[in-house]
Amino acid sequence: MSARVVKMWANVLLIAGAYLYGSIPFVWGIAHLKGINLRYHGSQNIGCGNLANAAGVLPGFIGSVCDFSKGVVPLVVGYYWLDADLTILCMASIATLAGQMWSVWTGFYDGRGTSISGGLLITFFGLSFISWKVLLAFIPLFISIIARNTRKVKKAPTRIVPLGTLLTFVLIPVLTWLLHEPEVITITFSSVLLLLVIRRLTADIIDDLRYKAETQRIRDILINRLLYDRSYLIKYH
């Protein structure tokens, strides 16, 4: 078998493995060990924040670290062990994020992808694929965190950390383009933004439409989902 064929299959396995690793429902598993079904707690989201609310800060932190690792492990393996080029690493990044959002192990239902997106970005920084100037994109996220902790605001419609997160991921591809980073990086983080938006708009949308009040407009639900990652509907089960 030629070296070129071996390389091709290594790349294919990296991308497939990235999706499967991203699919591992760490948060769901931690909650299950605690005897908790996250779909019946809090926001009903299989995410680290909901895990922390349902099971405590430590389980939530562990879940966050596990999800963060999904943005690290495939890239590190591809870069150091498989000598994959930047384009393949970017494809693996999208695959692992898609796995996190649409897990094959949970019936294509899982988290929103925020932690893993942060892991991807930090890993690209660590591998020197992105200029540290792109860190300026984190300013909206930091401001939103400070504002929330200062004002103690956690309820709709002033749920501002998801808004800060969205603005940060809007700025990342803009800054990579303005700073003349490799085009594939800009395309990758534009894709990350697109997946985050799709996931926010579609996760459990059927329930929201089923239980919405007659006076509530679908437009308002979608806007709240996009900006605040919640529809703010009371769900009855």
Protein backbone atom coordinates (compact mmCIF):
# COMPACT_ATOMS: atom_id res chain seq x y z
CA MET A 1 0.00 0.00 0.00
CA SER A 2 1.46 3.36 -1.00
CA ALA A 3 2.22 6.12 1.49
CA ARG A 4 -0.39 8.30 -0.21
CA VAL A 5 -3.14 5.74 0.36
CA VAL A 6 -2.09 5.25 3.98
CA LYS A 7 -2.21 9.01 4.49
CA MET A 8 -5.65 9.22 2.92
CA TRP A 9 -7.06 6.53 5.21
CA ALA A 10 -5.41 8.13 8.22
CA ASN A 11 -7.21 11.37 7.38
CA VAL A 12 -10.53 9.59 6.91
CA LEU A 13 -10.15 7.79 10.24
CA LEU A 14 -9.21 11.04 11.96
CA ILE A 15 -12.35 12.80 10.74
CA ALA A 16 -14.60 9.82 11.55
CA GLY A 17 -12.92 9.37 14.93
CA ALA A 18 -13.37 13.07 15.67
CA TYR A 19 -17.10 12.77 15.06
CA LEU A 20 -17.37 9.66 17.27
CA TYR A 21 -15.34 11.24 20.07
CA GLY A 22 -17.42 14.39 19.84
CA SER A 23 -20.52 12.20 20.08
CA ILE A 24 -19.59 10.72 23.47
CA PRO A 25 -22.28 12.08 25.84
CA PHE A 26 -20.03 12.80 28.82
CA VAL A 27 -22.53 15.19 30.44
CA TRP A 28 -25.38 12.76 29.97
CA GLY A 29 -23.28 9.96 31.47
CA ILE A 30 -22.28 12.01 34.52
CA ALA A 31 -25.91 12.95 35.12
CA HIS A 32 -26.95 9.30 34.72
CA LEU A 33 -24.43 8.26 37.37
CA LYS A 34 -26.12 10.77 39.67
CA GLY A 35 -29.52 9.28 38.87
CA ILE A 36 -30.59 12.38 36.93
CA ASN A 37 -32.28 12.61 33.56
CA LEU A 38 -31.36 16.08 32.30
CA ARG A 39 -34.29 16.15 29.90
CA TYR A 40 -36.54 16.57 32.94
CA HIS A 41 -34.45 19.14 34.80
CA GLY A 42 -34.07 22.88 34.41
CA SER A 43 -33.54 23.95 30.81
CA GLN A 44 -33.75 20.26 29.74
CA ASN A 45 -30.53 20.84 27.81
CA ILE A 46 -27.84 18.15 27.90
CA GLY A 47 -25.23 20.75 28.72
CA CYS A 48 -22.75 21.55 31.46
CA GLY A 49 -24.78 24.44 32.84
CA ASN A 50 -27.87 22.31 33.28
CA LEU A 51 -25.75 19.53 34.77
CA ALA A 52 -24.31 21.97 37.32
CA ASN A 53 -27.81 23.16 38.24
CA ALA A 54 -29.13 19.62 38.59
CA ALA A 55 -26.16 17.79 40.17
CA GLY A 56 -23.85 20.46 41.59
CA VAL A 57 -20.88 22.58 40.64
CA LEU A 58 -18.29 19.77 40.65
CA PRO A 59 -20.17 17.44 38.24
CA GLY A 60 -20.85 20.46 36.04
CA PHE A 61 -17.16 21.37 36.03
CA ILE A 62 -16.13 17.80 35.18
CA GLY A 63 -18.66 17.71 32.36
CA SER A 64 -17.35 21.02 31.05
CA VAL A 65 -13.76 19.73 31.04
CA CYS A 66 -14.83 16.56 29.23
CA ASP A 67 -16.71 18.52 26.57
CA PHE A 68 -13.80 20.97 26.27
CA SER A 69 -11.50 18.00 25.58
CA LYS A 70 -13.53 17.18 22.47
CA GLY A 71 -12.11 20.31 20.92
CA VAL A 72 -8.57 19.34 21.92
CA VAL A 73 -7.99 15.60 21.59
CA PRO A 74 -8.80 15.08 17.86
CA LEU A 75 -6.66 18.07 16.86
CA VAL A 76 -3.72 17.03 19.03
CA VAL A 77 -3.88 13.45 17.74
CA GLY A 78 -4.11 14.63 14.15
CA TYR A 79 -1.30 17.16 14.47
CA TYR A 80 1.26 15.22 16.52
CA TRP A 81 0.56 11.58 15.67
CA LEU A 82 -0.92 11.63 12.17
CA ASP A 83 0.86 14.71 10.83
CA ALA A 84 -2.40 15.93 9.30
CA ASP A 85 -2.37 19.19 7.40
CA LEU A 86 -4.39 22.24 8.41
CA THR A 87 -7.31 21.52 6.08
CA ILE A 88 -7.79 18.03 7.51
CA LEU A 89 -7.55 19.37 11.06
CA CYS A 90 -10.23 21.91 10.24
CA MET A 91 -12.46 19.19 8.83
CA ALA A 92 -11.92 17.13 11.99
CA SER A 93 -12.89 20.20 14.03
CA ILE A 94 -16.22 20.51 12.26
CA ALA A 95 -16.77 16.76 12.62
CA THR A 96 -16.19 16.74 16.37
CA LEU A 97 -18.50 19.74 16.85
CA ALA A 98 -21.20 18.05 14.76
CA GLY A 99 -20.77 14.95 16.90
CA GLN A 100 -21.29 16.97 20.06
CA MET A 101 -24.45 18.60 18.70
CA TRP A 102 -25.92 15.54 17.00
CA SER A 103 -24.60 12.54 18.89
CA VAL A 104 -25.03 9.13 17.34
CA TRP A 105 -25.20 7.68 20.88
CA THR A 106 -28.19 9.77 22.00
CA GLY A 107 -30.39 9.65 18.93
CA PHE A 108 -28.75 12.73 17.40
CA TYR A 109 -29.69 14.83 20.41
CA ASP A 110 -27.06 16.46 22.61
CA GLY A 111 -25.57 19.75 23.76
CA ARG A 112 -25.29 23.20 22.21
CA GLY A 113 -21.54 22.95 21.47
CA THR A 114 -20.27 26.00 23.37
CA SER A 115 -17.59 24.25 25.47
CA ILE A 116 -16.23 22.25 22.56
CA SER A 117 -16.12 25.36 20.37
CA GLY A 118 -13.98 27.04 23.01
CA GLY A 119 -11.74 23.97 23.08
CA LEU A 120 -11.30 24.12 19.31
CA LEU A 121 -10.35 27.78 19.40
CA ILE A 122 -7.84 27.40 22.25
CA THR A 123 -6.26 24.40 20.53
CA PHE A 124 -5.82 26.33 17.27
CA PHE A 125 -4.14 29.05 19.33
CA GLY A 126 -1.93 26.49 21.05
CA LEU A 127 -0.87 24.96 17.74
CA SER A 128 -0.02 28.48 16.47
CA PHE A 129 -2.51 28.32 13.61
CA ILE A 130 -4.20 31.54 14.77
CA SER A 131 -2.76 34.87 15.87
CA TRP A 132 -3.31 35.74 19.53
CA LYS A 133 -4.85 39.02 18.33
CA VAL A 134 -8.00 37.01 17.64
CA LEU A 135 -8.45 36.87 21.43
CA LEU A 136 -10.03 40.30 21.06
CA ALA A 137 -13.12 38.38 19.99
CA PHE A 138 -13.57 37.27 23.61
CA ILE A 139 -14.31 40.79 24.82
CA PRO A 140 -18.13 40.45 24.46
CA LEU A 141 -18.05 37.13 26.35
CA PHE A 142 -15.95 38.56 29.21
CA ILE A 143 -18.19 41.63 29.46
CA SER A 144 -21.32 39.47 29.59
CA ILE A 145 -19.85 37.26 32.33
CA ILE A 146 -18.85 40.26 34.44
CA ALA A 147 -22.25 41.89 33.91
CA ARG A 148 -24.12 38.74 34.91
CA ASN A 149 -22.06 38.19 38.05
CA THR A 150 -22.35 41.84 39.00
CA ARG A 151 -26.08 42.16 38.46
CA LYS A 152 -26.94 38.61 39.49
CA VAL A 153 -29.17 38.34 36.45
CA LYS A 154 -29.86 34.80 35.33
CA LYS A 155 -33.40 34.87 34.01
CA ALA A 156 -34.93 35.89 30.72
CA PRO A 157 -34.90 38.25 28.93
CA THR A 158 -31.57 39.47 30.33
CA ARG A 159 -29.71 36.19 29.99
CA ILE A 160 -26.64 37.83 28.56
CA VAL A 161 -23.84 35.26 28.68
CA PRO A 162 -25.27 33.29 25.71
CA LEU A 163 -25.56 36.64 23.90
CA GLY A 164 -21.91 37.41 24.67
CA THR A 165 -20.96 33.93 23.48
CA LEU A 166 -22.79 34.44 20.19
CA LEU A 167 -21.10 37.81 19.60
CA THR A 168 -17.71 36.26 20.31
CA PHE A 169 -18.21 33.56 17.70
CA VAL A 170 -19.46 36.17 15.24
CA LEU A 171 -16.26 38.17 15.75
CA ILE A 172 -13.84 35.25 15.41
CA PRO A 173 -14.22 34.68 11.62
CA VAL A 174 -14.36 38.46 11.10
CA LEU A 175 -11.05 38.95 12.92
CA THR A 176 -9.35 35.98 11.25
CA TRP A 177 -10.34 37.48 7.89
CA LEU A 178 -9.19 40.99 8.81
CA LEU A 179 -5.89 39.67 10.20
CA HIS A 180 -5.28 37.63 7.04
CA GLU A 181 -5.24 34.30 8.81
CA PRO A 182 -5.33 31.21 6.54
CA GLU A 183 -8.58 31.19 4.59
CA VAL A 184 -9.43 27.70 5.80
CA ILE A 185 -9.42 29.02 9.40
CA THR A 186 -11.96 31.70 8.54
CA ILE A 187 -14.11 29.13 6.74
CA THR A 188 -13.85 26.75 9.69
CA PHE A 189 -14.97 29.26 12.31
CA SER A 190 -17.67 30.56 10.00
CA SER A 191 -18.89 26.95 9.91
CA VAL A 192 -18.63 26.75 13.71
CA LEU A 193 -20.81 29.86 13.98
CA LEU A 194 -23.31 28.42 11.51
CA LEU A 195 -23.57 25.15 13.47
CA LEU A 196 -24.02 27.02 16.76
CA VAL A 197 -26.82 29.08 15.25
CA ILE A 198 -28.53 26.05 13.70
CA ARG A 199 -28.34 24.18 17.01
CA ARG A 200 -29.77 27.10 18.97
CA LEU A 201 -32.64 27.53 16.56
CA THR A 202 -33.58 23.87 16.18
CA ALA A 203 -32.92 22.08 19.50
CA ASP A 204 -36.30 20.98 20.93
CA ILE A 205 -38.10 23.39 18.61
CA ILE A 206 -41.00 20.95 18.25
CA ASP A 207 -41.73 21.17 21.99
CA ASP A 208 -41.60 24.95 21.91
CA LEU A 209 -44.05 25.13 19.04
CA ARG A 210 -46.31 22.56 20.65
CA TYR A 211 -46.55 24.36 24.01
CA LYS A 212 -46.37 27.98 22.93
CA ALA A 213 -49.12 30.32 24.07
CA GLU A 214 -51.57 31.53 21.44
CA THR A 215 -50.28 35.07 21.92
CA GLN A 216 -46.65 34.09 21.44
CA ARG A 217 -45.20 34.53 17.97
CA ILE A 218 -42.81 32.06 16.37
CA ARG A 219 -40.57 34.99 15.46
CA ASP A 220 -40.10 35.86 19.14
CA ILE A 221 -39.25 32.25 19.97
CA LEU A 222 -36.59 32.14 17.25
CA ILE A 223 -35.11 35.50 18.27
CA ASN A 224 -34.87 34.43 21.91
CA ARG A 225 -33.31 31.14 20.87
CA LEU A 226 -30.74 32.86 18.66
CA LEU A 227 -29.72 35.58 21.11
CA TYR A 228 -30.22 33.93 24.50
CA ASP A 229 -30.17 30.19 23.69
CA ARG A 230 -33.61 29.81 25.28
CA SER A 231 -37.16 30.17 24.05
CA TYR A 232 -38.41 31.05 27.54
CA LEU A 233 -41.43 28.84 27.19
CA ILE A 234 -42.71 26.86 30.14
CA LYS A 235 -42.70 23.23 29.08
CA TYR A 236 -45.18 20.80 30.53
CA HIS A 237 -44.37 17.10 30.74
